[in-house]
Amino acid sequence: MENKHTYREYKLPNGETIKCTVAFKFLLKLREQNKKIYKKLNDGILNGIGEDLMDSVSILYGAYICGCYAGENGGEEAIMNESEFIEKIEDDIAGVFNACFDLINKKKN
C-alpha cells in the first residue's frame, strides 16, 4: 500500500516529472547506501532550509533517490548523480522549496 502523504511529484523545468518520497523504509536504504546524501537530507530537514539554499536541493535530491528506490523514476539503475540532478532543476528555487515543504508536511485528505 502506498503512503500517499510521503510522495511528491516534482515537475522539472524541462517538463519531465519525478516522484520523490521521504518514506522511512527508503530513507533507511539511503542511509545505508549513501551516507553523504542521507546526512545532507537529514540535516536539511532537521535544521531547516533557512541555513543554506542548497539544503533544499539536498532534500529534494535525497527524496528523488528514495523515489528511485521505490521503483519510480526509472528505478535504481536510472539514478542521476547530484550534478546531473542540479543541472535538471536549473534555477527553479520556488519549485524546489515548495517540493521540500510538501515532502516534509503531511497532506490532509
N, C-alpha and C. Protein backbone atom coordinates (compact mmCIF):
# COMPACT_ATOMS: atom_id res chain seq x y z
N MET A 1 0.84 -1.19 0.00
CA MET A 1 0.00 0.00 0.00
C MET A 1 0.88 1.25 0.00
N GLU A 2 0.55 2.19 -0.82
CA GLU A 2 1.35 3.41 -0.97
C GLU A 2 1.02 4.42 0.13
N ASN A 3 2.06 5.03 0.71
CA ASN A 3 1.89 6.13 1.66
C ASN A 3 1.75 7.41 0.86
N LYS A 4 0.54 7.80 0.52
CA LYS A 4 0.33 8.93 -0.37
C LYS A 4 0.88 10.23 0.19
N HIS A 5 0.88 10.39 1.49
CA HIS A 5 1.35 11.66 2.04
C HIS A 5 2.86 11.81 1.97
N THR A 6 3.59 10.75 1.62
CA THR A 6 5.05 10.86 1.56
C THR A 6 5.58 10.98 0.13
N TYR A 7 4.71 10.90 -0.87
CA TYR A 7 5.15 11.04 -2.25
C TYR A 7 4.82 12.43 -2.75
N ARG A 8 5.72 12.96 -3.55
CA ARG A 8 5.53 14.30 -4.13
C ARG A 8 6.05 14.25 -5.55
N GLU A 9 5.23 14.67 -6.49
CA GLU A 9 5.69 14.78 -7.86
C GLU A 9 6.29 16.16 -8.04
N TYR A 10 7.46 16.20 -8.65
CA TYR A 10 8.14 17.46 -8.92
C TYR A 10 8.34 17.55 -10.43
N LYS A 11 7.85 18.61 -11.02
CA LYS A 11 7.99 18.81 -12.46
C LYS A 11 9.25 19.62 -12.72
N LEU A 12 10.20 18.99 -13.40
CA LEU A 12 11.44 19.66 -13.76
C LEU A 12 11.16 20.74 -14.81
N PRO A 13 11.99 21.76 -14.88
CA PRO A 13 11.78 22.82 -15.88
C PRO A 13 11.69 22.31 -17.32
N ASN A 14 12.27 21.13 -17.61
CA ASN A 14 12.20 20.58 -18.97
C ASN A 14 10.90 19.83 -19.24
N GLY A 15 10.00 19.80 -18.24
CA GLY A 15 8.70 19.15 -18.38
C GLY A 15 8.64 17.74 -17.84
N GLU A 16 9.78 17.13 -17.60
CA GLU A 16 9.84 15.78 -17.03
C GLU A 16 9.37 15.83 -15.57
N THR A 17 8.66 14.79 -15.14
CA THR A 17 8.18 14.71 -13.76
C THR A 17 8.91 13.59 -13.04
N ILE A 18 9.35 13.89 -11.82
CA ILE A 18 9.98 12.87 -10.99
C ILE A 18 9.13 12.70 -9.73
N LYS A 19 9.16 11.49 -9.17
CA LYS A 19 8.45 11.22 -7.92
C LYS A 19 9.48 11.14 -6.80
N CYS A 20 9.18 11.82 -5.71
CA CYS A 20 10.08 11.87 -4.55
C CYS A 20 9.34 11.35 -3.33
N THR A 21 10.09 10.79 -2.40
CA THR A 21 9.50 10.30 -1.16
C THR A 21 10.49 10.42 -0.02
N VAL A 22 9.97 10.58 1.18
CA VAL A 22 10.79 10.51 2.39
C VAL A 22 10.25 9.42 3.31
N ALA A 23 9.71 8.35 2.69
CA ALA A 23 9.23 7.20 3.46
C ALA A 23 10.41 6.59 4.20
N PHE A 24 10.21 6.24 5.45
CA PHE A 24 11.29 5.77 6.30
C PHE A 24 12.03 4.56 5.74
N LYS A 25 11.31 3.62 5.10
CA LYS A 25 12.00 2.42 4.60
C LYS A 25 12.99 2.78 3.51
N PHE A 26 12.72 3.84 2.74
CA PHE A 26 13.65 4.26 1.70
C PHE A 26 14.74 5.17 2.26
N LEU A 27 14.42 5.93 3.29
CA LEU A 27 15.45 6.71 3.97
C LEU A 27 16.48 5.79 4.62
N LEU A 28 16.02 4.69 5.17
CA LEU A 28 16.95 3.71 5.76
C LEU A 28 17.90 3.18 4.69
N LYS A 29 17.37 2.86 3.53
CA LYS A 29 18.21 2.36 2.44
C LYS A 29 19.20 3.44 1.99
N LEU A 30 18.73 4.69 1.91
CA LEU A 30 19.61 5.79 1.54
C LEU A 30 20.74 5.93 2.56
N ARG A 31 20.40 5.85 3.84
CA ARG A 31 21.41 5.96 4.89
C ARG A 31 22.45 4.84 4.78
N GLU A 32 22.00 3.65 4.42
CA GLU A 32 22.91 2.51 4.29
C GLU A 32 23.77 2.60 3.04
N GLN A 33 23.21 3.13 1.94
CA GLN A 33 23.92 3.10 0.66
C GLN A 33 24.62 4.41 0.29
N ASN A 34 24.18 5.52 0.87
CA ASN A 34 24.78 6.80 0.52
C ASN A 34 24.71 7.74 1.73
N LYS A 35 25.60 7.51 2.68
CA LYS A 35 25.59 8.27 3.94
C LYS A 35 25.72 9.78 3.71
N LYS A 36 26.51 10.19 2.73
CA LYS A 36 26.72 11.62 2.47
C LYS A 36 25.41 12.31 2.07
N ILE A 37 24.70 11.73 1.13
CA ILE A 37 23.43 12.31 0.68
C ILE A 37 22.39 12.23 1.80
N TYR A 38 22.36 11.10 2.51
CA TYR A 38 21.43 10.98 3.63
C TYR A 38 21.69 12.06 4.67
N LYS A 39 22.95 12.30 5.00
CA LYS A 39 23.28 13.31 6.01
C LYS A 39 22.82 14.69 5.55
N LYS A 40 23.03 15.02 4.29
CA LYS A 40 22.59 16.32 3.77
C LYS A 40 21.07 16.46 3.86
N LEU A 41 20.34 15.40 3.45
CA LEU A 41 18.88 15.42 3.53
C LEU A 41 18.43 15.55 4.98
N ASN A 42 18.99 14.73 5.83
CA ASN A 42 18.64 14.72 7.25
C ASN A 42 18.91 16.08 7.90
N ASP A 43 20.09 16.63 7.66
CA ASP A 43 20.43 17.94 8.23
C ASP A 43 19.49 19.03 7.72
N GLY A 44 19.16 18.97 6.44
CA GLY A 44 18.26 19.96 5.87
C GLY A 44 16.88 19.92 6.49
N ILE A 45 16.37 18.71 6.71
CA ILE A 45 15.05 18.57 7.32
C ILE A 45 15.08 18.97 8.79
N LEU A 46 16.06 18.47 9.53
CA LEU A 46 16.09 18.72 10.97
C LEU A 46 16.50 20.14 11.34
N ASN A 47 17.38 20.74 10.53
CA ASN A 47 17.87 22.09 10.84
C ASN A 47 17.15 23.17 10.06
N GLY A 48 16.34 22.79 9.11
CA GLY A 48 15.61 23.75 8.31
C GLY A 48 16.41 24.19 7.09
N ILE A 49 15.69 24.65 6.09
CA ILE A 49 16.34 25.04 4.85
C ILE A 49 16.70 26.53 4.83
N GLY A 50 16.54 27.19 5.96
CA GLY A 50 16.89 28.60 6.02
C GLY A 50 18.38 28.86 6.17
N GLU A 51 19.13 27.84 6.52
CA GLU A 51 20.56 27.99 6.76
C GLU A 51 21.36 28.15 5.46
N ASP A 52 20.99 27.36 4.45
CA ASP A 52 21.74 27.33 3.20
C ASP A 52 20.77 26.96 2.09
N LEU A 53 20.75 27.73 1.03
CA LEU A 53 19.85 27.48 -0.10
C LEU A 53 20.01 26.07 -0.65
N MET A 54 21.23 25.55 -0.65
CA MET A 54 21.47 24.21 -1.20
C MET A 54 20.89 23.11 -0.33
N ASP A 55 20.51 23.42 0.91
CA ASP A 55 19.85 22.41 1.74
C ASP A 55 18.57 21.93 1.08
N SER A 56 17.83 22.84 0.45
CA SER A 56 16.59 22.44 -0.21
C SER A 56 16.88 21.50 -1.38
N VAL A 57 17.95 21.75 -2.09
CA VAL A 57 18.34 20.87 -3.20
C VAL A 57 18.72 19.49 -2.65
N SER A 58 19.44 19.46 -1.54
CA SER A 58 19.84 18.18 -0.93
C SER A 58 18.63 17.38 -0.49
N ILE A 59 17.63 18.04 0.09
CA ILE A 59 16.41 17.35 0.50
C ILE A 59 15.72 16.74 -0.72
N LEU A 60 15.56 17.55 -1.75
CA LEU A 60 14.86 17.07 -2.95
C LEU A 60 15.66 15.96 -3.64
N TYR A 61 16.98 16.10 -3.71
CA TYR A 61 17.80 15.07 -4.35
C TYR A 61 17.72 13.75 -3.57
N GLY A 62 17.84 13.82 -2.26
CA GLY A 62 17.72 12.60 -1.45
C GLY A 62 16.36 11.96 -1.60
N ALA A 63 15.30 12.77 -1.63
CA ALA A 63 13.95 12.25 -1.80
C ALA A 63 13.75 11.67 -3.20
N TYR A 64 14.42 12.25 -4.19
CA TYR A 64 14.39 11.70 -5.55
C TYR A 64 15.03 10.30 -5.56
N ILE A 65 16.19 10.16 -4.92
CA ILE A 65 16.85 8.85 -4.85
C ILE A 65 15.93 7.85 -4.16
N CYS A 66 15.28 8.26 -3.08
CA CYS A 66 14.34 7.37 -2.39
C CYS A 66 13.19 6.98 -3.31
N GLY A 67 12.74 7.92 -4.15
CA GLY A 67 11.73 7.59 -5.15
C GLY A 67 12.22 6.52 -6.11
N CYS A 68 13.49 6.61 -6.49
CA CYS A 68 14.09 5.58 -7.35
C CYS A 68 14.11 4.24 -6.63
N TYR A 69 14.45 4.24 -5.35
CA TYR A 69 14.44 3.01 -4.56
C TYR A 69 13.04 2.40 -4.52
N ALA A 70 12.02 3.25 -4.58
CA ALA A 70 10.63 2.79 -4.55
C ALA A 70 10.17 2.27 -5.92
N GLY A 71 11.06 2.34 -6.91
CA GLY A 71 10.71 1.85 -8.24
C GLY A 71 10.23 2.93 -9.19
N GLU A 72 10.27 4.18 -8.75
CA GLU A 72 9.86 5.30 -9.60
C GLU A 72 11.08 5.84 -10.35
N ASN A 73 10.85 6.76 -11.28
CA ASN A 73 11.91 7.50 -11.98
C ASN A 73 12.89 6.59 -12.73
N GLY A 74 12.42 5.44 -13.15
CA GLY A 74 13.30 4.52 -13.86
C GLY A 74 14.02 3.54 -12.95
N GLY A 75 13.75 3.60 -11.66
CA GLY A 75 14.35 2.68 -10.71
C GLY A 75 15.79 3.03 -10.34
N GLU A 76 16.41 2.16 -9.59
CA GLU A 76 17.75 2.41 -9.07
C GLU A 76 18.80 2.55 -10.17
N GLU A 77 18.60 1.84 -11.28
CA GLU A 77 19.58 1.89 -12.37
C GLU A 77 19.65 3.27 -13.01
N ALA A 78 18.59 4.07 -12.86
CA ALA A 78 18.50 5.36 -13.55
C ALA A 78 18.84 6.55 -12.65
N ILE A 79 19.34 6.31 -11.44
CA ILE A 79 19.61 7.42 -10.52
C ILE A 79 20.66 8.36 -11.11
N MET A 80 20.28 9.63 -11.19
CA MET A 80 21.21 10.68 -11.64
C MET A 80 22.19 10.98 -10.52
N ASN A 81 23.41 11.38 -10.88
CA ASN A 81 24.31 11.85 -9.83
C ASN A 81 23.87 13.27 -9.44
N GLU A 82 24.43 13.77 -8.37
CA GLU A 82 23.97 15.06 -7.83
C GLU A 82 24.15 16.20 -8.82
N SER A 83 25.25 16.21 -9.55
CA SER A 83 25.49 17.27 -10.54
C SER A 83 24.46 17.24 -11.66
N GLU A 84 24.14 16.04 -12.14
CA GLU A 84 23.12 15.91 -13.18
C GLU A 84 21.77 16.41 -12.68
N PHE A 85 21.44 16.06 -11.43
CA PHE A 85 20.18 16.48 -10.84
C PHE A 85 20.11 18.00 -10.74
N ILE A 86 21.19 18.61 -10.29
CA ILE A 86 21.23 20.08 -10.16
C ILE A 86 21.07 20.73 -11.53
N GLU A 87 21.69 20.17 -12.54
CA GLU A 87 21.52 20.70 -13.90
C GLU A 87 20.07 20.62 -14.35
N LYS A 88 19.39 19.53 -14.00
CA LYS A 88 18.00 19.35 -14.42
C LYS A 88 17.04 20.30 -13.71
N ILE A 89 17.31 20.64 -12.44
CA ILE A 89 16.38 21.54 -11.73
C ILE A 89 16.62 23.00 -12.10
N GLU A 90 17.74 23.26 -12.75
CA GLU A 90 18.09 24.60 -13.23
C GLU A 90 17.99 25.63 -12.10
N ASP A 91 17.19 26.68 -12.29
CA ASP A 91 17.11 27.75 -11.29
C ASP A 91 15.71 27.85 -10.68
N ASP A 92 15.05 26.72 -10.55
CA ASP A 92 13.68 26.69 -10.04
C ASP A 92 13.64 26.72 -8.52
N ILE A 93 14.08 27.83 -7.93
CA ILE A 93 14.18 27.94 -6.47
C ILE A 93 12.81 27.76 -5.81
N ALA A 94 11.81 28.45 -6.30
CA ALA A 94 10.47 28.35 -5.69
C ALA A 94 9.93 26.94 -5.80
N GLY A 95 10.10 26.30 -6.95
CA GLY A 95 9.62 24.94 -7.13
C GLY A 95 10.31 23.95 -6.20
N VAL A 96 11.61 24.12 -6.02
CA VAL A 96 12.37 23.24 -5.12
C VAL A 96 11.91 23.45 -3.68
N PHE A 97 11.75 24.71 -3.26
CA PHE A 97 11.27 24.99 -1.90
C PHE A 97 9.88 24.39 -1.68
N ASN A 98 8.98 24.59 -2.63
CA ASN A 98 7.63 24.05 -2.48
C ASN A 98 7.64 22.54 -2.39
N ALA A 99 8.46 21.90 -3.20
CA ALA A 99 8.57 20.44 -3.16
C ALA A 99 9.06 19.97 -1.80
N CYS A 100 10.05 20.66 -1.25
CA CYS A 100 10.58 20.30 0.08
C CYS A 100 9.51 20.44 1.15
N PHE A 101 8.80 21.54 1.14
CA PHE A 101 7.74 21.75 2.14
C PHE A 101 6.65 20.70 2.01
N ASP A 102 6.29 20.35 0.77
CA ASP A 102 5.28 19.32 0.56
C ASP A 102 5.75 17.96 1.05
N LEU A 103 7.05 17.67 0.88
CA LEU A 103 7.58 16.38 1.32
C LEU A 103 7.57 16.23 2.83
N ILE A 104 7.87 17.31 3.54
CA ILE A 104 8.00 17.17 5.00
C ILE A 104 6.75 17.57 5.76
N ASN A 105 5.72 18.03 5.06
CA ASN A 105 4.45 18.36 5.69
C ASN A 105 3.38 17.41 5.18
N LYS A 106 2.73 16.70 6.10
CA LYS A 106 1.73 15.71 5.74
C LYS A 106 0.55 16.38 5.03
N LYS A 107 0.13 15.76 3.91
CA LYS A 107 -1.05 16.25 3.20
C LYS A 107 -2.31 15.87 3.97
N LYS A 108 -3.28 16.75 3.95
CA LYS A 108 -4.57 16.45 4.54
C LYS A 108 -5.47 15.89 3.46
N ASN A 109 -6.21 14.83 3.80
CA ASN A 109 -7.12 14.20 2.82
C ASN A 109 -8.42 14.96 2.76
